[in-house]
N, C-alpha and C. Protein backbone atom coordinates (compact mmCIF):
# COMPACT_ATOMS: atom_id res chain seq x y z
N MET A 1 0.83 -1.18 -0.02
CA MET A 1 0.02 -0.03 0.02
C MET A 1 0.89 1.26 0.00
N PRO A 2 0.53 2.20 -0.85
CA PRO A 2 1.30 3.45 -0.85
C PRO A 2 1.27 4.18 0.47
N LYS A 3 2.35 4.93 0.76
CA LYS A 3 2.39 5.68 2.00
C LYS A 3 2.27 7.18 1.66
N TYR A 4 1.63 7.95 2.59
CA TYR A 4 1.39 9.34 2.37
C TYR A 4 1.81 10.10 3.60
N SER A 5 2.16 11.38 3.44
CA SER A 5 2.45 12.37 4.50
C SER A 5 1.27 13.36 4.49
N LEU A 6 0.87 13.71 5.73
CA LEU A 6 -0.22 14.67 5.80
C LEU A 6 0.14 15.77 6.77
N ASP A 7 0.06 16.99 6.33
CA ASP A 7 0.35 18.20 7.14
C ASP A 7 -1.03 18.90 7.33
N ILE A 8 -1.39 19.27 8.56
CA ILE A 8 -2.56 19.92 8.82
C ILE A 8 -2.27 21.29 9.41
N HIS A 9 -2.90 22.35 8.91
CA HIS A 9 -2.68 23.72 9.39
C HIS A 9 -4.09 24.28 9.61
N TYR A 10 -4.16 25.12 10.66
CA TYR A 10 -5.39 25.87 10.97
C TYR A 10 -5.36 27.24 10.48
N ASN A 11 -6.46 27.80 9.97
CA ASN A 11 -6.43 29.14 9.38
C ASN A 11 -6.40 30.20 10.42
N SER A 12 -6.72 29.87 11.70
CA SER A 12 -6.64 30.87 12.82
C SER A 12 -6.67 30.13 14.11
N PRO A 13 -6.35 30.80 15.20
CA PRO A 13 -6.42 30.20 16.51
C PRO A 13 -7.79 29.68 16.89
N ARG A 14 -8.85 30.33 16.40
CA ARG A 14 -10.18 29.93 16.60
C ARG A 14 -10.42 28.46 16.13
N TYR A 15 -9.98 28.22 14.87
CA TYR A 15 -10.18 26.90 14.35
C TYR A 15 -9.33 25.83 15.06
N TYR A 16 -8.16 26.28 15.50
CA TYR A 16 -7.31 25.39 16.31
C TYR A 16 -8.08 24.97 17.57
N GLU A 17 -8.61 25.95 18.32
CA GLU A 17 -9.30 25.61 19.53
C GLU A 17 -10.56 24.73 19.26
N GLU A 18 -11.21 24.95 18.13
CA GLU A 18 -12.38 24.18 17.81
C GLU A 18 -12.04 22.73 17.49
N TYR A 19 -11.05 22.48 16.63
CA TYR A 19 -10.80 21.18 16.10
C TYR A 19 -9.66 20.40 16.79
N ASP A 20 -8.72 21.05 17.42
CA ASP A 20 -7.55 20.35 17.89
C ASP A 20 -7.90 19.24 18.87
N PRO A 21 -8.82 19.41 19.83
CA PRO A 21 -9.11 18.27 20.70
C PRO A 21 -9.47 16.98 20.01
N ASN A 22 -10.02 17.08 18.83
CA ASN A 22 -10.52 15.83 18.16
C ASN A 22 -9.87 15.64 16.76
N VAL A 23 -8.78 16.36 16.43
CA VAL A 23 -8.25 16.29 15.06
C VAL A 23 -7.75 14.93 14.74
N GLU A 24 -7.17 14.20 15.64
CA GLU A 24 -6.71 12.84 15.29
C GLU A 24 -7.81 11.93 14.91
N SER A 25 -8.96 11.99 15.71
CA SER A 25 -10.11 11.18 15.34
C SER A 25 -10.73 11.58 14.09
N ILE A 26 -10.78 12.91 13.82
CA ILE A 26 -11.36 13.40 12.54
C ILE A 26 -10.54 12.83 11.36
N VAL A 27 -9.18 12.97 11.48
CA VAL A 27 -8.35 12.53 10.39
C VAL A 27 -8.51 11.04 10.17
N LYS A 28 -8.46 10.25 11.23
CA LYS A 28 -8.59 8.78 11.07
C LYS A 28 -9.90 8.37 10.56
N ASP A 29 -10.96 9.05 10.99
CA ASP A 29 -12.33 8.74 10.49
C ASP A 29 -12.50 9.05 9.01
N ARG A 30 -12.11 10.29 8.63
CA ARG A 30 -12.31 10.78 7.26
C ARG A 30 -11.44 10.03 6.27
N PHE A 31 -10.16 9.85 6.56
CA PHE A 31 -9.31 9.12 5.67
C PHE A 31 -9.50 7.63 5.74
N GLY A 32 -10.01 7.19 6.90
CA GLY A 32 -10.36 5.78 7.07
C GLY A 32 -11.53 5.41 6.18
N GLU A 33 -12.40 6.30 5.85
CA GLU A 33 -13.46 6.02 4.91
C GLU A 33 -12.97 5.72 3.51
N LYS A 34 -11.69 6.13 3.24
CA LYS A 34 -11.07 5.81 1.98
C LYS A 34 -10.12 4.54 2.13
N GLY A 35 -10.12 3.97 3.28
CA GLY A 35 -9.37 2.72 3.44
C GLY A 35 -7.94 2.96 4.10
N ALA A 36 -7.69 4.25 4.50
CA ALA A 36 -6.40 4.59 5.07
C ALA A 36 -6.23 3.90 6.46
N SER A 37 -4.95 3.53 6.76
CA SER A 37 -4.71 2.85 8.03
C SER A 37 -3.20 3.05 8.34
N GLY A 38 -2.85 2.56 9.53
CA GLY A 38 -1.44 2.65 9.88
C GLY A 38 -0.93 4.02 10.18
N PHE A 39 -1.82 4.84 10.84
CA PHE A 39 -1.39 6.22 11.10
C PHE A 39 -0.30 6.25 12.06
N GLU A 40 0.76 7.05 11.79
CA GLU A 40 1.85 7.31 12.68
C GLU A 40 1.35 8.23 13.76
N PRO A 41 2.05 8.27 14.91
CA PRO A 41 1.65 9.22 15.98
C PRO A 41 1.68 10.67 15.38
N PHE A 42 0.83 11.49 15.83
CA PHE A 42 0.79 12.87 15.28
C PHE A 42 1.89 13.69 15.90
N ASP A 43 2.61 14.45 15.11
CA ASP A 43 3.64 15.33 15.53
C ASP A 43 2.99 16.73 15.62
N ARG A 44 3.00 17.31 16.79
CA ARG A 44 2.36 18.60 16.92
C ARG A 44 3.47 19.69 17.12
N SER A 45 3.25 20.77 16.43
CA SER A 45 4.17 21.93 16.62
C SER A 45 3.38 23.22 16.58
N SER A 46 4.04 24.29 17.01
CA SER A 46 3.42 25.60 16.97
C SER A 46 4.46 26.69 16.85
N GLU A 47 4.16 27.67 15.97
CA GLU A 47 4.97 28.83 15.85
C GLU A 47 4.01 29.98 15.80
N GLY A 48 3.99 30.77 16.83
CA GLY A 48 2.99 31.81 16.91
C GLY A 48 1.67 31.12 16.97
N PHE A 49 0.70 31.60 16.15
CA PHE A 49 -0.59 30.91 16.17
C PHE A 49 -0.68 29.90 15.01
N HIS A 50 0.41 29.67 14.35
CA HIS A 50 0.40 28.68 13.24
C HIS A 50 0.57 27.26 13.74
N TYR A 51 -0.46 26.73 14.36
CA TYR A 51 -0.39 25.43 14.82
C TYR A 51 -0.47 24.44 13.71
N ALA A 52 0.29 23.32 13.79
CA ALA A 52 0.36 22.39 12.70
C ALA A 52 0.49 20.99 13.29
N HIS A 53 0.00 20.02 12.58
CA HIS A 53 0.17 18.63 12.84
C HIS A 53 0.69 17.87 11.66
N ARG A 54 1.45 16.86 11.91
CA ARG A 54 1.93 16.00 10.80
C ARG A 54 1.80 14.53 11.17
N THR A 55 1.41 13.80 10.23
CA THR A 55 1.35 12.34 10.40
C THR A 55 1.56 11.68 9.04
N SER A 56 1.63 10.36 9.06
CA SER A 56 1.73 9.65 7.81
C SER A 56 0.88 8.31 7.96
N PHE A 57 0.49 7.82 6.84
CA PHE A 57 -0.41 6.69 6.79
C PHE A 57 -0.27 5.95 5.54
N SER A 58 -0.95 4.77 5.40
CA SER A 58 -0.98 4.06 4.17
C SER A 58 -2.40 4.07 3.64
N ALA A 59 -2.55 3.93 2.32
CA ALA A 59 -3.91 3.82 1.72
C ALA A 59 -3.87 2.81 0.57
N PRO A 60 -5.00 2.16 0.30
CA PRO A 60 -4.99 1.20 -0.80
C PRO A 60 -4.52 1.75 -2.09
N ALA A 61 -3.92 0.93 -2.92
CA ALA A 61 -3.35 1.36 -4.18
C ALA A 61 -4.45 1.83 -5.14
N ASN A 62 -5.68 1.41 -4.93
CA ASN A 62 -6.78 1.85 -5.83
C ASN A 62 -7.34 3.23 -5.43
N VAL A 63 -6.83 3.84 -4.40
CA VAL A 63 -7.27 5.18 -3.98
C VAL A 63 -6.17 6.19 -4.46
N SER A 64 -6.59 7.06 -5.32
CA SER A 64 -5.61 8.05 -5.90
C SER A 64 -5.23 9.09 -4.93
N LEU A 65 -4.08 9.76 -5.18
CA LEU A 65 -3.68 10.90 -4.41
C LEU A 65 -4.69 12.03 -4.54
N ASP A 66 -5.29 12.19 -5.73
CA ASP A 66 -6.26 13.23 -5.99
C ASP A 66 -7.51 12.97 -5.09
N GLU A 67 -7.90 11.70 -5.00
CA GLU A 67 -9.05 11.36 -4.15
C GLU A 67 -8.79 11.67 -2.71
N LEU A 68 -7.59 11.38 -2.23
CA LEU A 68 -7.22 11.66 -0.81
C LEU A 68 -7.22 13.18 -0.62
N ARG A 69 -6.75 13.93 -1.58
CA ARG A 69 -6.68 15.39 -1.48
C ARG A 69 -8.08 16.00 -1.36
N LYS A 70 -9.09 15.35 -1.79
CA LYS A 70 -10.46 15.86 -1.74
C LYS A 70 -11.17 15.61 -0.44
N VAL A 71 -10.47 14.88 0.54
CA VAL A 71 -11.06 14.65 1.83
C VAL A 71 -11.14 15.92 2.62
N GLU A 72 -12.35 16.23 3.17
CA GLU A 72 -12.56 17.47 3.89
C GLU A 72 -12.47 17.16 5.37
N LEU A 73 -11.66 17.94 6.08
CA LEU A 73 -11.49 17.77 7.52
C LEU A 73 -12.37 18.69 8.30
N GLY A 74 -12.67 19.83 7.78
CA GLY A 74 -13.48 20.85 8.50
C GLY A 74 -13.16 22.23 7.95
N TYR A 75 -14.08 23.11 8.15
CA TYR A 75 -13.91 24.52 7.70
C TYR A 75 -12.83 25.11 8.57
N GLY A 76 -11.85 25.74 7.97
CA GLY A 76 -10.79 26.42 8.73
C GLY A 76 -9.52 25.52 8.88
N ILE A 77 -9.56 24.36 8.26
CA ILE A 77 -8.43 23.42 8.29
C ILE A 77 -7.94 23.24 6.86
N ARG A 78 -6.58 23.42 6.72
CA ARG A 78 -5.93 23.12 5.44
C ARG A 78 -5.14 21.83 5.60
N ALA A 79 -5.35 20.91 4.70
CA ALA A 79 -4.63 19.68 4.73
C ALA A 79 -3.79 19.58 3.46
N THR A 80 -2.52 19.31 3.60
CA THR A 80 -1.59 19.08 2.48
C THR A 80 -1.12 17.60 2.50
N ILE A 81 -1.40 16.93 1.46
CA ILE A 81 -0.98 15.50 1.45
C ILE A 81 -0.06 15.26 0.26
N SER A 82 0.89 14.39 0.51
CA SER A 82 1.87 14.03 -0.58
C SER A 82 2.24 12.57 -0.41
N GLN A 83 2.50 11.93 -1.51
CA GLN A 83 2.95 10.51 -1.48
C GLN A 83 4.35 10.45 -1.08
N ARG A 84 4.72 9.54 -0.22
CA ARG A 84 6.07 9.28 0.25
C ARG A 84 6.74 8.29 -0.67
N HIS A 85 7.95 8.53 -1.12
CA HIS A 85 8.67 7.70 -2.00
C HIS A 85 9.82 7.06 -1.24
N GLY A 86 10.07 5.85 -1.58
CA GLY A 86 11.30 5.22 -0.99
C GLY A 86 11.01 4.33 0.18
């Protein structure tokens, strides 16, 4: 199964406060609907109010990168996903 990296950024502190307590569950549920599994522990960082999370996971080969990029996590959350090589 291909592996992917996922970076999550919040558009403002308000969205961080709203989503952060449940962001791991949201990510696992929404991407899990596409068959994603094997999520790595979430790496949390913050610089000013630019809170971010990073994780990686695997998804079935029949699920395209474009399809994964269409997964909505919530209003005010930006998700950047890329395929890991190697």
